[in-house]
Protein backbone atom coordinates (compact mmCIF):
# COMPACT_ATOMS: atom_id res chain seq x y z
CA MET A 1 -3.71 -14.34 -9.61
CA ARG A 2 -5.74 -11.71 -11.47
CA LEU A 3 -7.05 -12.06 -15.03
CA LEU A 4 -8.96 -9.70 -17.30
CA ILE A 5 -11.73 -10.88 -19.63
CA ALA A 6 -12.60 -8.42 -22.40
CA GLU A 7 -15.85 -9.80 -23.84
CA ASP A 8 -19.01 -7.97 -24.91
CA ASP A 9 -21.29 -11.03 -24.86
CA PRO A 10 -22.69 -10.85 -21.29
CA MET A 11 -23.64 -14.53 -21.11
CA LEU A 12 -20.27 -15.77 -22.35
CA GLY A 13 -18.31 -13.23 -20.32
CA ASP A 14 -20.11 -13.99 -17.06
CA GLY A 15 -19.93 -17.75 -17.63
CA LEU A 16 -16.22 -17.59 -18.35
CA ARG A 17 -15.61 -15.41 -15.32
CA ARG A 18 -17.36 -17.91 -13.06
CA ALA A 19 -15.38 -20.80 -14.57
CA LEU A 20 -12.08 -18.98 -14.02
CA GLN A 21 -13.02 -18.06 -10.46
CA ARG A 22 -13.74 -21.73 -9.77
CA ALA A 23 -10.25 -22.45 -11.11
CA GLY A 24 -8.82 -20.15 -8.44
CA TYR A 25 -8.33 -16.88 -10.33
CA THR A 26 -9.46 -13.38 -9.43
CA VAL A 27 -11.24 -12.07 -12.53
CA ASP A 28 -12.26 -8.65 -13.84
CA LEU A 29 -14.67 -8.31 -16.77
CA ALA A 30 -14.68 -5.51 -19.36
CA VAL A 31 -17.45 -5.33 -21.95
CA THR A 32 -16.00 -2.62 -24.20
CA GLY A 33 -12.56 -1.90 -25.59
CA GLU A 34 -12.51 1.36 -23.68
CA GLU A 35 -13.19 -0.44 -20.39
CA ALA A 36 -10.48 -2.97 -21.19
CA MET A 37 -7.89 -0.27 -21.84
CA ALA A 38 -8.82 1.57 -18.65
CA ALA A 39 -8.53 -1.67 -16.68
CA THR A 40 -5.03 -2.40 -18.01
CA ARG A 41 -3.88 1.09 -17.07
CA ALA A 42 -5.24 0.75 -13.54
CA GLN A 43 -4.28 -2.84 -12.77
CA ASP A 44 -1.55 -5.37 -13.47
CA TYR A 45 -2.92 -8.65 -14.84
CA ALA A 46 -1.33 -12.07 -15.12
CA LEU A 47 -3.16 -12.56 -18.43
CA ILE A 48 -5.84 -11.00 -20.65
CA LEU A 49 -8.51 -12.91 -22.59
CA LEU A 50 -9.41 -10.59 -25.46
CA ASP A 51 -12.36 -10.72 -27.84
CA LEU A 52 -11.75 -8.92 -31.13
CA GLY A 53 -15.32 -7.70 -31.64
CA LEU A 54 -15.46 -5.21 -28.77
CA PRO A 55 -17.46 -1.97 -29.06
CA ASN A 56 -15.93 1.54 -28.76
CA ILE A 57 -12.38 0.28 -29.31
CA SER A 58 -11.92 -3.01 -31.13
CA GLY A 59 -9.96 -5.82 -29.56
CA MET A 60 -7.31 -5.46 -32.24
CA GLU A 61 -6.93 -1.75 -31.54
CA ALA A 62 -6.72 -2.43 -27.81
CA LEU A 63 -4.04 -5.07 -28.38
CA LYS A 64 -1.95 -2.75 -30.56
CA ALA A 65 -2.26 0.04 -27.98
CA LEU A 66 -1.22 -2.34 -25.20
CA ARG A 67 1.87 -3.46 -27.08
CA GLY A 68 2.54 0.10 -28.22
CA ARG A 69 3.13 1.11 -24.61
CA ARG A 70 5.35 -1.96 -24.15
CA ASP A 71 2.98 -3.77 -21.81
CA PRO A 72 4.18 -7.41 -21.77
CA THR A 73 1.01 -8.91 -20.24
CA PRO A 74 0.22 -12.23 -21.98
CA VAL A 75 -2.83 -11.94 -24.25
CA ILE A 76 -4.96 -14.77 -25.57
CA ILE A 77 -7.36 -13.72 -28.30
CA VAL A 78 -10.70 -15.53 -27.91
CA THR A 79 -12.86 -14.91 -30.97
CA ALA A 80 -15.20 -16.39 -33.55
CA ARG A 81 -12.97 -15.08 -36.35
CA ASP A 82 -11.35 -18.24 -37.65
CA ARG A 83 -9.79 -17.37 -41.01
CA PRO A 84 -6.02 -18.02 -41.20
CA GLU A 85 -5.27 -14.42 -42.18
CA GLN A 86 -7.17 -13.18 -39.09
CA LYS A 87 -5.11 -15.45 -36.85
CA VAL A 88 -1.91 -14.21 -38.47
CA GLU A 89 -2.98 -10.59 -37.98
CA GLY A 90 -3.74 -11.16 -34.30
CA LEU A 91 -0.49 -12.95 -33.57
CA ASP A 92 1.53 -10.39 -35.52
CA ALA A 93 -0.15 -7.60 -33.53
CA GLY A 94 1.27 -9.08 -30.33
CA ALA A 95 -1.13 -11.78 -29.13
CA ASP A 96 0.51 -14.74 -27.43
CA ASP A 97 -2.18 -17.24 -28.44
CA TYR A 98 -5.35 -17.39 -30.52
CA VAL A 99 -8.41 -19.45 -29.56
CA VAL A 100 -11.48 -19.79 -31.78
CA LYS A 101 -15.01 -19.92 -30.35
CA PRO A 102 -16.60 -22.24 -29.44
CA PHE A 103 -13.73 -23.56 -27.36
CA ASP A 104 -13.16 -26.40 -24.91
CA LEU A 105 -12.88 -24.93 -21.40
CA ASP A 106 -10.25 -27.40 -20.20
CA GLU A 107 -8.07 -26.61 -23.22
CA LEU A 108 -8.48 -22.87 -22.62
CA LEU A 109 -7.48 -23.29 -18.97
CA ALA A 110 -4.38 -25.21 -20.05
CA ARG A 111 -3.48 -22.45 -22.51
CA ILE A 112 -3.95 -19.86 -19.76
CA ARG A 113 -1.64 -21.76 -17.41
CA ALA A 114 1.00 -22.11 -20.15
CA GLN A 115 0.97 -18.39 -20.96
CA ILE A 116 1.11 -17.38 -17.31
CA ARG A 117 4.17 -19.60 -16.82
CA ARG A 118 5.86 -17.96 -19.79
CA GLY A 119 4.85 -14.52 -18.59
CA GLU A 120 6.33 -15.17 -15.17
CA LYS A 121 9.64 -16.07 -16.78
CA ARG A 122 9.58 -12.83 -18.80
CA THR A 123 8.79 -10.59 -15.82
CA SER A 124 11.43 -9.54 -13.35
CA ASP A 125 10.57 -10.47 -9.79
CA ALA A 126 12.70 -7.69 -8.30
CA LEU A 127 11.88 -3.98 -8.14
CA SER A 128 13.96 -1.33 -6.39
CA ALA A 129 14.14 2.42 -5.84
CA HIS A 130 15.62 4.78 -3.25
CA GLY A 131 17.16 1.92 -1.29
CA VAL A 132 13.88 0.01 -1.11
CA GLY A 133 13.70 -3.45 -2.67
CA VAL A 134 10.55 -5.45 -3.44
CA ASP A 135 10.70 -9.14 -4.34
CA LEU A 136 7.39 -9.93 -6.00
CA ALA A 137 7.90 -13.70 -5.94
CA ALA A 138 9.00 -13.97 -2.32
CA ARG A 139 6.69 -11.08 -1.27
CA THR A 140 9.45 -9.46 0.77
CA VAL A 141 10.56 -5.86 1.27
CA THR A 142 13.99 -4.56 2.18
CA LEU A 143 15.38 -1.14 3.10
CA GLU A 144 19.11 -0.75 2.45
CA ALA A 145 19.24 -4.56 2.13
CA GLU A 146 17.69 -5.06 5.57
CA PRO A 147 14.33 -6.89 5.75
CA VAL A 148 11.26 -4.82 6.64
CA ALA A 149 8.02 -6.37 7.87
CA VAL A 150 4.97 -5.04 6.03
CA THR A 151 1.32 -6.07 6.01
CA ALA A 152 -0.27 -7.78 3.01
CA LYS A 153 -2.09 -4.57 2.04
CA GLU A 154 1.06 -2.48 2.44
CA PHE A 155 2.91 -4.92 0.18
CA LYS A 156 0.26 -4.74 -2.54
CA VAL A 157 0.18 -0.94 -2.46
CA LEU A 158 3.97 -0.72 -2.54
CA ALA A 159 4.23 -3.22 -5.40
CA ALA A 160 1.60 -1.31 -7.42
CA LEU A 161 3.49 1.97 -6.96
CA MET A 162 6.88 0.41 -7.73
CA ARG A 163 5.55 -1.14 -10.94
CA ARG A 164 4.45 2.31 -12.10
CA MET A 165 7.38 4.24 -10.72
CA GLY A 166 7.38 7.88 -11.81
CA GLN A 167 3.64 7.84 -12.57
CA PHE A 168 0.85 9.04 -10.32
CA VAL A 169 -1.55 6.29 -9.29
CA SER A 170 -4.99 7.31 -8.02
CA LYS A 171 -6.54 6.05 -4.81
CA GLU A 172 -9.16 4.21 -6.88
CA GLU A 173 -6.46 2.44 -8.89
CA LEU A 174 -4.68 1.35 -5.71
CA GLU A 175 -7.98 0.08 -4.34
CA GLY A 176 -8.27 -2.00 -7.51
CA ALA A 177 -4.96 -3.65 -6.62
CA LEU A 178 -6.36 -4.66 -3.23
CA TYR A 179 -9.91 -5.69 -3.99
CA ASP A 180 -11.72 -7.59 -6.72
CA ASP A 181 -14.81 -6.00 -8.27
CA THR A 182 -17.21 -7.73 -5.85
CA ALA A 183 -15.50 -6.84 -2.57
CA GLU A 184 -16.59 -4.04 -0.27
CA ILE A 185 -13.90 -1.36 -0.13
CA GLU A 186 -12.97 0.19 3.22
CA SER A 187 -12.76 3.97 2.88
CA ASN A 188 -9.40 4.57 4.58
CA THR A 189 -7.49 1.42 3.58
CA ILE A 190 -5.12 3.18 1.18
CA GLU A 191 -4.36 6.03 3.58
CA VAL A 192 -3.55 3.55 6.34
CA ALA A 193 -1.27 1.52 4.04
CA ILE A 194 0.54 4.66 2.81
CA TYR A 195 1.04 5.85 6.39
CA GLY A 196 2.49 2.48 7.36
CA LEU A 197 4.86 2.41 4.39
CA ARG A 198 6.13 5.94 5.05
CA ARG A 199 6.71 5.09 8.71
CA LYS A 200 8.66 1.94 7.85
CA LEU A 201 10.47 3.01 4.66
CA GLY A 202 10.87 6.78 4.99
CA SER A 203 8.49 9.70 4.72
CA GLY A 204 9.91 10.83 1.38
CA LEU A 205 9.46 7.56 -0.53
CA ILE A 206 5.84 8.09 -1.56
CA VAL A 207 4.77 11.51 -2.85
CA THR A 208 1.14 12.68 -2.75
CA ALA A 209 -0.43 15.21 -5.11
CA ARG A 210 -4.00 16.37 -4.64
CA GLY A 211 -6.19 15.25 -7.54
CA LEU A 212 -3.50 12.96 -8.96
CA GLY A 213 -2.82 10.36 -6.30
CA TYR A 214 0.45 8.79 -5.18
CA THR A 215 3.79 8.15 -6.81
CA ILE A 216 7.26 6.83 -6.08
CA PRO A 217 9.61 9.12 -8.06
CA LYS A 218 12.17 7.47 -10.29
CA ASP A 219 15.73 7.29 -9.01
CA THR A 220 17.76 10.21 -10.35
């Protein structure tokens, strides 16, 4: 399960990332609001931990932009700003929870688990287009209601494209869906996965455009 930490304090951000990794999560770290926004466009996250005092783009601006594009990812604000009116502003802007620094790690982990459970209930587990069905919970793929065996990497690439149906997704963004930020990326992994998916699900399902990436067109 992948989380995003948006925190400009390097010591706090790195310490929190290590704690979350020990708890079993895959974690990305953004140190500016601009990096955080780019990460949310490139990757689906189970939850975002968001500091309000980010450089470039503030955490509040990032949160409003996220909700403005109807991204339902659960967001927990983690900040030193503790005035009641600041909490109200953050929650009204679309945050799911508000935690004041310094915080108890065990309590934060419990809040993360609670928000992920709620987020899972809000998110549909089924995606479909052009006769292809993807069950995110069961991690299964069907073609015209018949099961199709795919590899783990093929499934992740297909799920990433289905989630952003009608939008072009770059090779780098798809690599982000397969690897965390410490893993060594194999140069042809995406091409191999795309080839396998086209062979199993039809050559016309995934469209390639030079300089843009890959897309699954929306059903017409």
